[in-house]
């Protein structure tokens, strides 16, 4: 139990660095946590997030590997020219809709 408490203290004391090194913008994290912006920055400055708030932040940041992998794959597809324009996607969607529901 002591180790868990020490880890909590370490994370709490370094949350500003953790967020700074995250690929996500602070505004995105604030939005996802549901904490008001002034309160979020005050808590970050004072290093006084509740354990539940730190957990929520960690859950947002932990999505990072799969989310970033998806973005990297999407970038590769774009670079390889493997994408559709909005107009093309809308045309396919319209065709599917008409196929299913008629005119």
C-alpha atoms as a PDB file:
ATOM      1  CA  UNK A   1       0.000   0.000   0.000  1.00  0.00           C
ATOM      2  CA  UNK A   2       2.892   2.348   0.714  1.00  0.00           C
ATOM      3  CA  UNK A   3       4.150   1.958  -2.839  1.00  0.00           C
ATOM      4  CA  UNK A   4       0.746   2.906  -4.263  1.00  0.00           C
ATOM      5  CA  UNK A   5       0.583   6.014  -2.085  1.00  0.00           C
ATOM      6  CA  UNK A   6       4.119   7.019  -3.085  1.00  0.00           C
ATOM      7  CA  UNK A   7       3.204   6.551  -6.756  1.00  0.00           C
ATOM      8  CA  UNK A   8       0.073   8.663  -6.276  1.00  0.00           C
ATOM      9  CA  UNK A   9       2.129  11.448  -4.667  1.00  0.00           C
ATOM     10  CA  UNK A  10       4.708  11.257  -7.456  1.00  0.00           C
ATOM     11  CA  UNK A  11       2.035  11.497 -10.151  1.00  0.00           C
ATOM     12  CA  UNK A  12       0.214  14.273  -8.330  1.00  0.00           C
ATOM     13  CA  UNK A  13       3.429  16.283  -7.967  1.00  0.00           C
ATOM     14  CA  UNK A  14       4.405  15.849 -11.602  1.00  0.00           C
ATOM     15  CA  UNK A  15       0.988  16.165 -13.279  1.00  0.00           C
ATOM     16  CA  UNK A  16       1.956  19.419 -14.989  1.00  0.00           C
ATOM     17  CA  UNK A  17       4.954  17.726 -16.649  1.00  0.00           C
ATOM     18  CA  UNK A  18       2.888  14.672 -17.542  1.00  0.00           C
ATOM     19  CA  UNK A  19       0.308  16.874 -19.250  1.00  0.00           C
ATOM     20  CA  UNK A  20       2.988  18.975 -20.942  1.00  0.00           C
ATOM     21  CA  UNK A  21       4.551  15.837 -22.452  1.00  0.00           C
ATOM     22  CA  UNK A  22       1.211  14.414 -23.525  1.00  0.00           C
ATOM     23  CA  UNK A  23       0.416  14.649 -27.243  1.00  0.00           C
ATOM     24  CA  UNK A  24      -3.020  15.963 -26.290  1.00  0.00           C
ATOM     25  CA  UNK A  25      -3.697  19.651 -25.878  1.00  0.00           C
ATOM     26  CA  UNK A  26      -4.572  20.791 -22.368  1.00  0.00           C
ATOM     27  CA  UNK A  27      -7.885  22.198 -23.627  1.00  0.00           C
ATOM     28  CA  UNK A  28      -8.842  18.740 -24.913  1.00  0.00           C
ATOM     29  CA  UNK A  29      -8.017  17.153 -21.566  1.00  0.00           C
ATOM     30  CA  UNK A  30      -9.934  19.870 -19.710  1.00  0.00           C
ATOM     31  CA  UNK A  31     -12.953  19.309 -21.934  1.00  0.00           C
ATOM     32  CA  UNK A  32     -12.865  15.540 -21.440  1.00  0.00           C
ATOM     33  CA  UNK A  33     -12.480  15.752 -17.651  1.00  0.00           C
ATOM     34  CA  UNK A  34     -15.431  18.099 -17.287  1.00  0.00           C
ATOM     35  CA  UNK A  35     -13.485  20.337 -14.912  1.00  0.00           C
ATOM     36  CA  UNK A  36     -13.854  24.053 -15.605  1.00  0.00           C
ATOM     37  CA  UNK A  37     -10.768  25.640 -17.151  1.00  0.00           C
ATOM     38  CA  UNK A  38      -9.995  28.018 -14.239  1.00  0.00           C
ATOM     39  CA  UNK A  39     -10.428  25.204 -11.721  1.00  0.00           C
ATOM     40  CA  UNK A  40      -8.275  22.844 -13.796  1.00  0.00           C
ATOM     41  CA  UNK A  41      -5.394  25.329 -14.028  1.00  0.00           C
ATOM     42  CA  UNK A  42      -5.671  26.173 -10.333  1.00  0.00           C
ATOM     43  CA  UNK A  43      -5.559  22.487  -9.403  1.00  0.00           C
ATOM     44  CA  UNK A  44      -2.625  21.930 -11.733  1.00  0.00           C
ATOM     45  CA  UNK A  45      -0.711  24.889 -10.272  1.00  0.00           C
ATOM     46  CA  UNK A  46      -1.442  23.849  -6.680  1.00  0.00           C
ATOM     47  CA  UNK A  47      -1.010  20.146  -7.509  1.00  0.00           C
ATOM     48  CA  UNK A  48      -4.311  19.411  -5.804  1.00  0.00           C
ATOM     49  CA  UNK A  49      -6.252  17.107  -8.094  1.00  0.00           C
ATOM     50  CA  UNK A  50      -8.502  14.619  -6.357  1.00  0.00           C
ATOM     51  CA  UNK A  51      -7.579  10.970  -6.924  1.00  0.00           C
ATOM     52  CA  UNK A  52     -10.715  10.548  -9.048  1.00  0.00           C
ATOM     53  CA  UNK A  53      -9.676  13.504 -11.212  1.00  0.00           C
ATOM     54  CA  UNK A  54      -6.183  12.097 -11.705  1.00  0.00           C
ATOM     55  CA  UNK A  55      -7.750   8.794 -12.678  1.00  0.00           C
ATOM     56  CA  UNK A  56      -9.923  10.522 -15.270  1.00  0.00           C
ATOM     57  CA  UNK A  57      -6.888  12.358 -16.678  1.00  0.00           C
ATOM     58  CA  UNK A  58      -4.938   9.088 -16.807  1.00  0.00           C
ATOM     59  CA  UNK A  59      -7.782   7.369 -18.650  1.00  0.00           C
ATOM     60  CA  UNK A  60      -7.770  10.144 -21.250  1.00  0.00           C
ATOM     61  CA  UNK A  61      -4.010  10.003 -21.699  1.00  0.00           C
ATOM     62  CA  UNK A  62      -3.930   6.193 -21.720  1.00  0.00           C
ATOM     63  CA  UNK A  63      -6.030   6.220 -24.885  1.00  0.00           C
ATOM     64  CA  UNK A  64      -2.957   7.702 -26.467  1.00  0.00           C
ATOM     65  CA  UNK A  65      -1.225   4.594 -27.913  1.00  0.00           C
ATOM     66  CA  UNK A  66      -4.153   3.248 -29.922  1.00  0.00           C
ATOM     67  CA  UNK A  67      -5.354   6.741 -30.823  1.00  0.00           C
ATOM     68  CA  UNK A  68      -1.905   7.782 -32.002  1.00  0.00           C
ATOM     69  CA  UNK A  69      -1.483   4.541 -33.931  1.00  0.00           C
ATOM     70  CA  UNK A  70      -4.749   5.225 -35.757  1.00  0.00           C
ATOM     71  CA  UNK A  71      -3.588   8.727 -36.619  1.00  0.00           C
ATOM     72  CA  UNK A  72      -0.238   7.435 -37.900  1.00  0.00           C
ATOM     73  CA  UNK A  73      -1.984   4.853 -40.079  1.00  0.00           C
ATOM     74  CA  UNK A  74      -4.337   7.511 -41.421  1.00  0.00           C
ATOM     75  CA  UNK A  75      -1.385   9.768 -42.261  1.00  0.00           C
ATOM     76  CA  UNK A  76       0.282   6.920 -44.161  1.00  0.00           C
ATOM     77  CA  UNK A  77      -2.901   6.293 -46.140  1.00  0.00           C
ATOM     78  CA  UNK A  78      -3.154   9.988 -47.019  1.00  0.00           C
ATOM     79  CA  UNK A  79       0.510  10.079 -48.044  1.00  0.00           C
ATOM     80  CA  UNK A  80      -0.087   7.016 -50.263  1.00  0.00           C
ATOM     81  CA  UNK A  81      -3.122   8.666 -51.842  1.00  0.00           C
ATOM     82  CA  UNK A  82      -5.453   6.113 -50.311  1.00  0.00           C
ATOM     83  CA  UNK A  83      -8.339   8.341 -49.299  1.00  0.00           C
ATOM     84  CA  UNK A  84     -11.659   9.631 -50.559  1.00  0.00           C
ATOM     85  CA  UNK A  85     -12.787  13.196 -50.810  1.00  0.00           C
ATOM     86  CA  UNK A  86     -15.867  14.355 -48.978  1.00  0.00           C
ATOM     87  CA  UNK A  87     -17.734  14.478 -52.268  1.00  0.00           C
ATOM     88  CA  UNK A  88     -16.820  10.839 -53.038  1.00  0.00           C
ATOM     89  CA  UNK A  89     -17.911   9.659 -49.598  1.00  0.00           C
ATOM     90  CA  UNK A  90     -21.213  11.521 -49.911  1.00  0.00           C
ATOM     91  CA  UNK A  91     -21.835   9.995 -53.352  1.00  0.00           C
ATOM     92  CA  UNK A  92     -21.259   6.458 -52.042  1.00  0.00           C
ATOM     93  CA  UNK A  93     -23.499   7.180 -49.040  1.00  0.00           C
ATOM     94  CA  UNK A  94     -26.248   8.492 -51.292  1.00  0.00           C
ATOM     95  CA  UNK A  95     -26.008   5.427 -53.531  1.00  0.00           C
ATOM     96  CA  UNK A  96     -26.252   3.103 -50.523  1.00  0.00           C
ATOM     97  CA  UNK A  97     -29.219   5.029 -49.173  1.00  0.00           C
ATOM     98  CA  UNK A  98     -31.043   4.895 -52.517  1.00  0.00           C
ATOM     99  CA  UNK A  99     -30.248   1.190 -52.838  1.00  0.00           C
ATOM    100  CA  UNK A 100     -31.770   0.499 -49.455  1.00  0.00           C
ATOM    101  CA  UNK A 101     -34.694   2.921 -49.417  1.00  0.00           C
ATOM    102  CA  UNK A 102     -35.278   3.784 -53.068  1.00  0.00           C
ATOM    103  CA  UNK A 103     -35.930   7.302 -54.332  1.00  0.00           C
END
